[in-house]
Amino acid sequence: MSAILCHRYFVSGRVQGVFFRANTATEAQRLDLSGWARNLPDGRVEVLVRGPEPAIQAIGSWLRRGLPPAQVDDLETVVEDPDQFDDLTEFRTG
């Protein structure tokens, strides 16, 4: 069984107003991850995901690319304590 991880990502580039959060939600749900994606006032998108290590790695790779017309310029990753977010049961956007 894979370890449960939790990562917070800060995605920079052209990621607001281009369906980046919706596409991220679709990918996270496909990978059976819980968490959220939300726009930040500085133009970045914050994504928090919790789930098995292979799925976390997959979403991290996906976030580095995104889907057109999004353009990811930078991806910052912060490792979080998965137990702090064990109440998350689904992925949502906000």
PDB file of N, CA and C in Angstrom:
ATOM      1  N   MET A   1       0.839  -1.185   0.000  1.00  0.00           N
ATOM      2  CA  MET A   1       0.000   0.000   0.000  1.00  0.00           C
ATOM      3  C   MET A   1       0.880   1.243   0.000  1.00  0.00           C
ATOM      4  N   SER A   2       0.501   2.242  -0.787  1.00  0.00           N
ATOM      5  CA  SER A   2       1.271   3.474  -0.902  1.00  0.00           C
ATOM      6  C   SER A   2       1.024   4.384   0.293  1.00  0.00           C
ATOM      7  N   ALA A   3       2.046   5.135   0.623  1.00  0.00           N
ATOM      8  CA  ALA A   3       1.924   6.127   1.684  1.00  0.00           C
ATOM      9  C   ALA A   3       0.966   7.227   1.245  1.00  0.00           C
ATOM     10  N   ILE A   4       0.227   7.769   2.199  1.00  0.00           N
ATOM     11  CA  ILE A   4      -0.645   8.917   1.934  1.00  0.00           C
ATOM     12  C   ILE A   4       0.175  10.185   2.141  1.00  0.00           C
ATOM     13  N   LEU A   5       0.181  11.028   1.128  1.00  0.00           N
ATOM     14  CA  LEU A   5       0.918  12.285   1.169  1.00  0.00           C
ATOM     15  C   LEU A   5      -0.036  13.450   1.007  1.00  0.00           C
ATOM     16  N   CYS A   6       0.458  14.626   1.322  1.00  0.00           N
ATOM     17  CA  CYS A   6      -0.298  15.857   1.105  1.00  0.00           C
ATOM     18  C   CYS A   6       0.679  16.924   0.634  1.00  0.00           C
ATOM     19  N   HIS A   7       0.400  17.497  -0.537  1.00  0.00           N
ATOM     20  CA  HIS A   7       1.236  18.559  -1.089  1.00  0.00           C
ATOM     21  C   HIS A   7       0.384  19.772  -1.402  1.00  0.00           C
ATOM     22  N   ARG A   8       0.976  20.933  -1.167  1.00  0.00           N
ATOM     23  CA  ARG A   8       0.356  22.205  -1.553  1.00  0.00           C
ATOM     24  C   ARG A   8       1.216  22.770  -2.685  1.00  0.00           C
ATOM     25  N   TYR A   9       0.579  23.107  -3.781  1.00  0.00           N
ATOM     26  CA  TYR A   9       1.278  23.648  -4.938  1.00  0.00           C
ATOM     27  C   TYR A   9       0.833  25.084  -5.169  1.00  0.00           C
ATOM     28  N   PHE A  10       1.779  25.900  -5.597  1.00  0.00           N
ATOM     29  CA  PHE A  10       1.496  27.262  -6.023  1.00  0.00           C
ATOM     30  C   PHE A  10       1.928  27.347  -7.476  1.00  0.00           C
ATOM     31  N   VAL A  11       0.943  27.544  -8.363  1.00  0.00           N
ATOM     32  CA  VAL A  11       1.172  27.504  -9.801  1.00  0.00           C
ATOM     33  C   VAL A  11       1.148  28.927 -10.336  1.00  0.00           C
ATOM     34  N   SER A  12       2.237  29.312 -11.001  1.00  0.00           N
ATOM     35  CA  SER A  12       2.360  30.650 -11.575  1.00  0.00           C
ATOM     36  C   SER A  12       2.337  30.577 -13.091  1.00  0.00           C
ATOM     37  N   GLY A  13       1.887  31.658 -13.695  1.00  0.00           N
ATOM     38  CA  GLY A  13       1.834  31.756 -15.150  1.00  0.00           C
ATOM     39  C   GLY A  13       0.460  32.240 -15.564  1.00  0.00           C
ATOM     40  N   ARG A  14       0.055  31.853 -16.764  1.00  0.00           N
ATOM     41  CA  ARG A  14      -1.304  32.182 -17.221  1.00  0.00           C
ATOM     42  C   ARG A  14      -2.202  31.033 -16.763  1.00  0.00           C
ATOM     43  N   VAL A  15      -2.676  31.143 -15.505  1.00  0.00           N
ATOM     44  CA  VAL A  15      -3.431  30.047 -14.900  1.00  0.00           C
ATOM     45  C   VAL A  15      -4.774  30.485 -14.322  1.00  0.00           C
ATOM     46  N   GLN A  16      -5.094  31.760 -14.454  1.00  0.00           N
ATOM     47  CA  GLN A  16      -6.415  32.221 -14.038  1.00  0.00           C
ATOM     48  C   GLN A  16      -7.191  32.661 -15.275  1.00  0.00           C
ATOM     49  N   GLY A  17      -8.481  32.314 -15.290  1.00  0.00           N
ATOM     50  CA  GLY A  17      -9.326  32.681 -16.415  1.00  0.00           C
ATOM     51  C   GLY A  17      -9.153  31.784 -17.632  1.00  0.00           C
ATOM     52  N   VAL A  18      -8.511  30.619 -17.459  1.00  0.00           N
ATOM     53  CA  VAL A  18      -8.270  29.702 -18.585  1.00  0.00           C
ATOM     54  C   VAL A  18      -8.701  28.274 -18.228  1.00  0.00           C
ATOM     55  N   PHE A  19      -9.612  28.133 -17.282  1.00  0.00           N
ATOM     56  CA  PHE A  19     -10.158  26.837 -16.845  1.00  0.00           C
ATOM     57  C   PHE A  19      -9.113  25.938 -16.169  1.00  0.00           C
ATOM     58  N   PHE A  20      -8.043  26.552 -15.641  1.00  0.00           N
ATOM     59  CA  PHE A  20      -6.998  25.761 -14.991  1.00  0.00           C
ATOM     60  C   PHE A  20      -7.539  25.026 -13.774  1.00  0.00           C
ATOM     61  N   ARG A  21      -8.321  25.701 -12.928  1.00  0.00           N
ATOM     62  CA  ARG A  21      -8.873  25.046 -11.733  1.00  0.00           C
ATOM     63  C   ARG A  21      -9.810  23.913 -12.117  1.00  0.00           C
ATOM     64  N   ALA A  22     -10.670  24.135 -13.087  1.00  0.00           N
ATOM     65  CA  ALA A  22     -11.618  23.097 -13.509  1.00  0.00           C
ATOM     66  C   ALA A  22     -10.879  21.889 -14.081  1.00  0.00           C
ATOM     67  N   ASN A  23      -9.867  22.134 -14.907  1.00  0.00           N
ATOM     68  CA  ASN A  23      -9.093  21.024 -15.466  1.00  0.00           C
ATOM     69  C   ASN A  23      -8.293  20.306 -14.381  1.00  0.00           C
ATOM     70  N   THR A  24      -7.795  21.070 -13.403  1.00  0.00           N
ATOM     71  CA  THR A  24      -7.087  20.450 -12.275  1.00  0.00           C
ATOM     72  C   THR A  24      -8.043  19.566 -11.485  1.00  0.00           C
ATOM     73  N   ALA A  25      -9.255  20.033 -11.260  1.00  0.00           N
ATOM     74  CA  ALA A  25     -10.248  19.234 -10.533  1.00  0.00           C
ATOM     75  C   ALA A  25     -10.557  17.941 -11.271  1.00  0.00           C
ATOM     76  N   THR A  26     -10.707  18.021 -12.577  1.00  0.00           N
ATOM     77  CA  THR A  26     -10.976  16.823 -13.372  1.00  0.00           C
ATOM     78  C   THR A  26      -9.843  15.814 -13.230  1.00  0.00           C
ATOM     79  N   GLU A  27      -8.604  16.298 -13.316  1.00  0.00           N
ATOM     80  CA  GLU A  27      -7.444  15.408 -13.203  1.00  0.00           C
ATOM     81  C   GLU A  27      -7.333  14.835 -11.785  1.00  0.00           C
ATOM     82  N   ALA A  28      -7.544  15.668 -10.771  1.00  0.00           N
ATOM     83  CA  ALA A  28      -7.467  15.198  -9.378  1.00  0.00           C
ATOM     84  C   ALA A  28      -8.545  14.157  -9.095  1.00  0.00           C
ATOM     85  N   GLN A  29      -9.740  14.368  -9.614  1.00  0.00           N
ATOM     86  CA  GLN A  29     -10.817  13.397  -9.414  1.00  0.00           C
ATOM     87  C   GLN A  29     -10.500  12.091 -10.141  1.00  0.00           C
ATOM     88  N   ARG A  30      -9.903  12.180 -11.324  1.00  0.00           N
ATOM     89  CA  ARG A  30      -9.504  10.983 -12.068  1.00  0.00           C
ATOM     90  C   ARG A  30      -8.482  10.172 -11.270  1.00  0.00           C
ATOM     91  N   LEU A  31      -7.615  10.889 -10.546  1.00  0.00           N
ATOM     92  CA  LEU A  31      -6.583  10.233  -9.738  1.00  0.00           C
ATOM     93  C   LEU A  31      -7.067   9.870  -8.334  1.00  0.00           C
ATOM     94  N   ASP A  32      -8.337  10.181  -8.048  1.00  0.00           N
ATOM     95  CA  ASP A  32      -8.950   9.891  -6.743  1.00  0.00           C
ATOM     96  C   ASP A  32      -8.248  10.623  -5.599  1.00  0.00           C
ATOM     97  N   LEU A  33      -7.908  11.893  -5.844  1.00  0.00           N
ATOM     98  CA  LEU A  33      -7.297  12.741  -4.833  1.00  0.00           C
ATOM     99  C   LEU A  33      -8.349  13.633  -4.194  1.00  0.00           C
ATOM    100  N   SER A  34      -8.129  13.994  -2.950  1.00  0.00           N
ATOM    101  CA  SER A  34      -8.974  14.984  -2.290  1.00  0.00           C
ATOM    102  C   SER A  34      -8.183  16.278  -2.172  1.00  0.00           C
ATOM    103  N   GLY A  35      -8.893  17.376  -1.949  1.00  0.00           N
ATOM    104  CA  GLY A  35      -8.230  18.663  -1.794  1.00  0.00           C
ATOM    105  C   GLY A  35      -9.010  19.774  -2.442  1.00  0.00           C
ATOM    106  N   TRP A  36      -8.282  20.783  -2.929  1.00  0.00           N
ATOM    107  CA  TRP A  36      -8.939  21.932  -3.552  1.00  0.00           C
ATOM    108  C   TRP A  36      -7.972  22.665  -4.482  1.00  0.00           C
ATOM    109  N   ALA A  37      -8.559  23.522  -5.316  1.00  0.00           N
ATOM    110  CA  ALA A  37      -7.814  24.468  -6.141  1.00  0.00           C
ATOM    111  C   ALA A  37      -8.525  25.802  -6.028  1.00  0.00           C
ATOM    112  N   ARG A  38      -7.752  26.858  -5.824  1.00  0.00           N
ATOM    113  CA  ARG A  38      -8.359  28.187  -5.713  1.00  0.00           C
ATOM    114  C   ARG A  38      -7.415  29.243  -6.264  1.00  0.00           C
ATOM    115  N   ASN A  39      -8.014  30.304  -6.783  1.00  0.00           N
ATOM    116  CA  ASN A  39      -7.252  31.442  -7.277  1.00  0.00           C
ATOM    117  C   ASN A  39      -6.736  32.253  -6.102  1.00  0.00           C
ATOM    118  N   LEU A  40      -5.541  32.792  -6.256  1.00  0.00           N
ATOM    119  CA  LEU A  40      -4.969  33.693  -5.267  1.00  0.00           C
ATOM    120  C   LEU A  40      -4.960  35.110  -5.835  1.00  0.00           C
ATOM    121  N   PRO A  41      -5.021  36.113  -4.973  1.00  0.00           N
ATOM    122  CA  PRO A  41      -5.066  37.500  -5.449  1.00  0.00           C
ATOM    123  C   PRO A  41      -3.861  37.908  -6.291  1.00  0.00           C
ATOM    124  N   ASP A  42      -2.731  37.233  -6.132  1.00  0.00           N
ATOM    125  CA  ASP A  42      -1.516  37.597  -6.877  1.00  0.00           C
ATOM    126  C   ASP A  42      -1.448  36.953  -8.268  1.00  0.00           C
ATOM    127  N   GLY A  43      -2.509  36.258  -8.687  1.00  0.00           N
ATOM    128  CA  GLY A  43      -2.558  35.665 -10.023  1.00  0.00           C
ATOM    129  C   GLY A  43      -2.165  34.199 -10.069  1.00  0.00           C
ATOM    130  N   ARG A  44      -1.682  33.666  -8.971  1.00  0.00           N
ATOM    131  CA  ARG A  44      -1.340  32.246  -8.928  1.00  0.00           C
ATOM    132  C   ARG A  44      -2.577  31.419  -8.596  1.00  0.00           C
ATOM    133  N   VAL A  45      -2.459  30.110  -8.785  1.00  0.00           N
ATOM    134  CA  VAL A  45      -3.476  29.162  -8.334  1.00  0.00           C
ATOM    135  C   VAL A  45      -2.829  28.295  -7.259  1.00  0.00           C
ATOM    136  N   GLU A  46      -3.529  28.139  -6.148  1.00  0.00           N
ATOM    137  CA  GLU A  46      -3.095  27.269  -5.066  1.00  0.00           C
ATOM    138  C   GLU A  46      -3.848  25.951  -5.183  1.00  0.00           C
ATOM    139  N   VAL A  47      -3.114  24.849  -5.131  1.00  0.00           N
ATOM    140  CA  VAL A  47      -3.710  23.519  -5.229  1.00  0.00           C
ATOM    141  C   VAL A  47      -3.213  22.702  -4.040  1.00  0.00           C
ATOM    142  N   LEU A  48      -4.138  22.164  -3.265  1.00  0.00           N
ATOM    143  CA  LEU A  48      -3.788  21.259  -2.177  1.00  0.00           C
ATOM    144  C   LEU A  48      -4.358  19.895  -2.521  1.00  0.00           C
ATOM    145  N   VAL A  49      -3.508  18.879  -2.483  1.00  0.00           N
ATOM    146  CA  VAL A  49      -3.958  17.519  -2.799  1.00  0.00           C
ATOM    147  C   VAL A  49      -3.488  16.557  -1.727  1.00  0.00           C
ATOM    148  N   ARG A  50      -4.342  15.574  -1.441  1.00  0.00           N
ATOM    149  CA  ARG A  50      -4.039  14.532  -0.461  1.00  0.00           C
ATOM    150  C   ARG A  50      -4.423  13.198  -1.074  1.00  0.00           C
ATOM    151  N   GLY A  51      -3.501  12.219  -0.987  1.00  0.00           N
ATOM    152  CA  GLY A  51      -3.793  10.900  -1.519  1.00  0.00           C
ATOM    153  C   GLY A  51      -2.546  10.050  -1.593  1.00  0.00           C
ATOM    154  N   PRO A  52      -2.628   8.906  -2.276  1.00  0.00           N
ATOM    155  CA  PRO A  52      -1.490   7.987  -2.390  1.00  0.00           C
ATOM    156  C   PRO A  52      -0.324   8.624  -3.153  1.00  0.00           C
ATOM    157  N   GLU A  53       0.863   8.225  -2.769  1.00  0.00           N
ATOM    158  CA  GLU A  53       2.078   8.805  -3.349  1.00  0.00           C
ATOM    159  C   GLU A  53       2.100   8.788  -4.878  1.00  0.00           C
ATOM    160  N   PRO A  54       1.749   7.681  -5.563  1.00  0.00           N
ATOM    161  CA  PRO A  54       1.786   7.707  -7.035  1.00  0.00           C
ATOM    162  C   PRO A  54       0.841   8.763  -7.631  1.00  0.00           C
ATOM    163  N   ALA A  55      -0.318   8.940  -7.026  1.00  0.00           N
ATOM    164  CA  ALA A  55      -1.273   9.936  -7.529  1.00  0.00           C
ATOM    165  C   ALA A  55      -0.766  11.356  -7.283  1.00  0.00           C
ATOM    166  N   ILE A  56      -0.114  11.577  -6.146  1.00  0.00           N
ATOM    167  CA  ILE A  56       0.462  12.893  -5.847  1.00  0.00           C
ATOM    168  C   ILE A  56       1.557  13.209  -6.867  1.00  0.00           C
ATOM    169  N   GLN A  57       2.386  12.239  -7.179  1.00  0.00           N
ATOM    170  CA  GLN A  57       3.433  12.446  -8.185  1.00  0.00           C
ATOM    171  C   GLN A  57       2.825  12.753  -9.547  1.00  0.00           C
ATOM    172  N   ALA A  58       1.746  12.043  -9.881  1.00  0.00           N
ATOM    173  CA  ALA A  58       1.097  12.244 -11.179  1.00  0.00           C
ATOM    174  C   ALA A  58       0.488  13.639 -11.284  1.00  0.00           C
ATOM    175  N   ILE A  59      -0.179  14.101 -10.235  1.00  0.00           N
ATOM    176  CA  ILE A  59      -0.795  15.435 -10.300  1.00  0.00           C
ATOM    177  C   ILE A  59       0.290  16.509 -10.331  1.00  0.00           C
ATOM    178  N   GLY A  60       1.402  16.280  -9.633  1.00  0.00           N
ATOM    179  CA  GLY A  60       2.513  17.234  -9.685  1.00  0.00           C
ATOM    180  C   GLY A  60       3.050  17.383 -11.097  1.00  0.00           C
ATOM    181  N   SER A  61       3.209  16.265 -11.789  1.00  0.00           N
ATOM    182  CA  SER A  61       3.659  16.307 -13.192  1.00  0.00           C
ATOM    183  C   SER A  61       2.636  17.010 -14.064  1.00  0.00           C
ATOM    184  N   TRP A  62       1.356  16.724 -13.822  1.00  0.00           N
ATOM    185  CA  TRP A  62       0.289  17.347 -14.613  1.00  0.00           C
ATOM    186  C   TRP A  62       0.285  18.858 -14.385  1.00  0.00           C
ATOM    187  N   LEU A  63       0.447  19.289 -13.131  1.00  0.00           N
ATOM    188  CA  LEU A  63       0.423  20.722 -12.817  1.00  0.00           C
ATOM    189  C   LEU A  63       1.573  21.473 -13.492  1.00  0.00           C
ATOM    190  N   ARG A  64       2.678  20.818 -13.738  1.00  0.00           N
ATOM    191  CA  ARG A  64       3.815  21.470 -14.410  1.00  0.00           C
ATOM    192  C   ARG A  64       3.473  21.824 -15.857  1.00  0.00           C
ATOM    193  N   ARG A  65       2.512  21.096 -16.436  1.00  0.00           N
ATOM    194  CA  ARG A  65       2.134  21.306 -17.843  1.00  0.00           C
ATOM    195  C   ARG A  65       0.810  22.041 -17.973  1.00  0.00           C
ATOM    196  N   GLY A  66      -0.206  21.566 -17.237  1.00  0.00           N
ATOM    197  CA  GLY A  66      -1.553  22.083 -17.422  1.00  0.00           C
ATOM    198  C   GLY A  66      -2.070  21.711 -18.802  1.00  0.00           C
ATOM    199  N   LEU A  67      -3.148  22.336 -19.204  1.00  0.00           N
ATOM    200  CA  LEU A  67      -3.724  22.143 -20.538  1.00  0.00           C
ATOM    201  C   LEU A  67      -3.856  23.499 -21.205  1.00  0.00           C
ATOM    202  N   PRO A  68      -3.664  23.555 -22.524  1.00  0.00           N
ATOM    203  CA  PRO A  68      -3.881  24.824 -23.222  1.00  0.00           C
ATOM    204  C   PRO A  68      -5.306  25.312 -22.973  1.00  0.00           C
ATOM    205  N   PRO A  69      -5.523  26.590 -22.820  1.00  0.00           N
ATOM    206  CA  PRO A  69      -4.593  27.694 -23.089  1.00  0.00           C
ATOM    207  C   PRO A  69      -3.766  28.122 -21.869  1.00  0.00           C
ATOM    208  N   ALA A  70      -3.788  27.372 -20.789  1.00  0.00           N
ATOM    209  CA  ALA A  70      -2.956  27.710 -19.630  1.00  0.00           C
ATOM    210  C   ALA A  70      -1.480  27.612 -20.005  1.00  0.00           C
ATOM    211  N   GLN A  71      -0.683  28.420 -19.312  1.00  0.00           N
ATOM    212  CA  GLN A  71       0.773  28.358 -19.483  1.00  0.00           C
ATOM    213  C   GLN A  71       1.395  28.429 -18.099  1.00  0.00           C
ATOM    214  N   VAL A  72       1.992  27.327 -17.669  1.00  0.00           N
ATOM    215  CA  VAL A  72       2.614  27.258 -16.355  1.00  0.00           C
ATOM    216  C   VAL A  72       4.056  27.728 -16.475  1.00  0.00           C
ATOM    217  N   ASP A  73       4.396  28.764 -15.703  1.00  0.00           N
ATOM    218  CA  ASP A  73       5.758  29.295 -15.695  1.00  0.00           C
ATOM    219  C   ASP A  73       6.561  28.767 -14.509  1.00  0.00           C
ATOM    220  N   ASP A  74       5.891  28.496 -13.393  1.00  0.00           N
ATOM    221  CA  ASP A  74       6.601  28.041 -12.206  1.00  0.00           C
ATOM    222  C   ASP A  74       5.652  27.227 -11.340  1.00  0.00           C
ATOM    223  N   LEU A  75       6.207  26.249 -10.646  1.00  0.00           N
ATOM    224  CA  LEU A  75       5.438  25.408  -9.732  1.00  0.00           C
ATOM    225  C   LEU A  75       6.225  25.271  -8.435  1.00  0.00           C
ATOM    226  N   GLU A  76       5.681  25.821  -7.367  1.00  0.00           N
ATOM    227  CA  GLU A  76       6.289  25.714  -6.040  1.00  0.00           C
ATOM    228  C   GLU A  76       5.543  24.621  -5.275  1.00  0.00           C
ATOM    229  N   THR A  77       6.274  23.754  -4.611  1.00  0.00           N
ATOM    230  CA  THR A  77       5.680  22.641  -3.870  1.00  0.00           C
ATOM    231  C   THR A  77       6.018  22.759  -2.393  1.00  0.00           C
ATOM    232  N   VAL A  78       4.994  22.614  -1.547  1.00  0.00           N
ATOM    233  CA  VAL A  78       5.172  22.587  -0.094  1.00  0.00           C
ATOM    234  C   VAL A  78       4.591  21.269   0.396  1.00  0.00           C
ATOM    235  N   VAL A  79       5.397  20.495   1.119  1.00  0.00           N
ATOM    236  CA  VAL A  79       4.928  19.227   1.679  1.00  0.00           C
ATOM    237  C   VAL A  79       4.187  19.526   2.985  1.00  0.00           C
ATOM    238  N   GLU A  80       2.974  19.007   3.093  1.00  0.00           N
ATOM    239  CA  GLU A  80       2.136  19.203   4.274  1.00  0.00           C
ATOM    240  C   GLU A  80       1.977  17.886   5.023  1.00  0.00           C
ATOM    241  N   ASP A  81       1.554  17.963   6.262  1.00  0.00           N
ATOM    242  CA  ASP A  81       1.240  16.780   7.068  1.00  0.00           C
ATOM    243  C   ASP A  81      -0.114  16.241   6.606  1.00  0.00           C
ATOM    244  N   PRO A  82      -0.173  15.026   6.044  1.00  0.00           N
ATOM    245  CA  PRO A  82      -1.444  14.513   5.542  1.00  0.00           C
ATOM    246  C   PRO A  82      -2.495  14.347   6.643  1.00  0.00           C
ATOM    247  N   ASP A  83      -2.064  14.119   7.877  1.00  0.00           N
ATOM    248  CA  ASP A  83      -3.017  13.961   8.974  1.00  0.00           C
ATOM    249  C   ASP A  83      -3.772  15.258   9.259  1.00  0.00           C
ATOM    250  N   GLN A  84      -3.149  16.385   8.937  1.00  0.00           N
ATOM    251  CA  GLN A  84      -3.788  17.685   9.148  1.00  0.00           C
ATOM    252  C   GLN A  84      -5.010  17.858   8.242  1.00  0.00           C
ATOM    253  N   PHE A  85      -5.051  17.109   7.135  1.00  0.00           N
ATOM    254  CA  PHE A  85      -6.128  17.247   6.160  1.00  0.00           C
ATOM    255  C   PHE A  85      -6.889  15.942   5.967  1.00  0.00           C
ATOM    256  N   ASP A  86      -6.924  15.091   6.987  1.00  0.00           N
ATOM    257  CA  ASP A  86      -7.591  13.793   6.833  1.00  0.00           C
ATOM    258  C   ASP A  86      -9.105  13.900   6.745  1.00  0.00           C
ATOM    259  N   ASP A  87      -9.660  15.105   6.976  1.00  0.00           N
ATOM    260  CA  ASP A  87     -11.100  15.282   6.853  1.00  0.00           C
ATOM    261  C   ASP A  87     -11.527  15.580   5.409  1.00  0.00           C
ATOM    262  N   LEU A  88     -10.567  15.774   4.514  1.00  0.00           N
ATOM    263  CA  LEU A  88     -10.897  16.023   3.107  1.00  0.00           C
ATOM    264  C   LEU A  88     -11.364  14.717   2.472  1.00  0.00           C
ATOM    265  N   THR A  89     -12.520  14.762   1.836  1.00  0.00           N
ATOM    266  CA  THR A  89     -13.070  13.554   1.239  1.00  0.00           C
ATOM    267  C   THR A  89     -13.291  13.670  -0.268  1.00  0.00           C
ATOM    268  N   GLU A  90     -13.130  14.875  -0.810  1.00  0.00           N
ATOM    269  CA  GLU A  90     -13.342  15.071  -2.240  1.00  0.00           C
ATOM    270  C   GLU A  90     -12.465  16.216  -2.702  1.00  0.00           C
ATOM    271  N   PHE A  91     -12.439  16.447  -4.000  1.00  0.00           N
ATOM    272  CA  PHE A  91     -11.689  17.575  -4.558  1.00  0.00           C
ATOM    273  C   PHE A  91     -12.693  18.634  -4.984  1.00  0.00           C
ATOM    274  N   ARG A  92     -12.397  19.868  -4.631  1.00  0.00           N
ATOM    275  CA  ARG A  92     -13.315  20.966  -4.971  1.00  0.00           C
ATOM    276  C   ARG A  92     -12.517  22.185  -5.451  1.00  0.00           C
ATOM    277  N   THR A  93     -13.209  23.080  -6.102  1.00  0.00           N
ATOM    278  CA  THR A  93     -12.604  24.341  -6.505  1.00  0.00           C
ATOM    279  C   THR A  93     -13.310  25.462  -5.778  1.00  0.00           C
ATOM    280  N   GLY A  94     -12.598  26.527  -5.564  1.00  0.00           N
ATOM    281  CA  GLY A  94     -13.181  27.649  -4.832  1.00  0.00           C
ATOM    282  C   GLY A  94     -12.620  28.959  -5.260  1.00  0.00           C
TER     283      GLY A  94
END
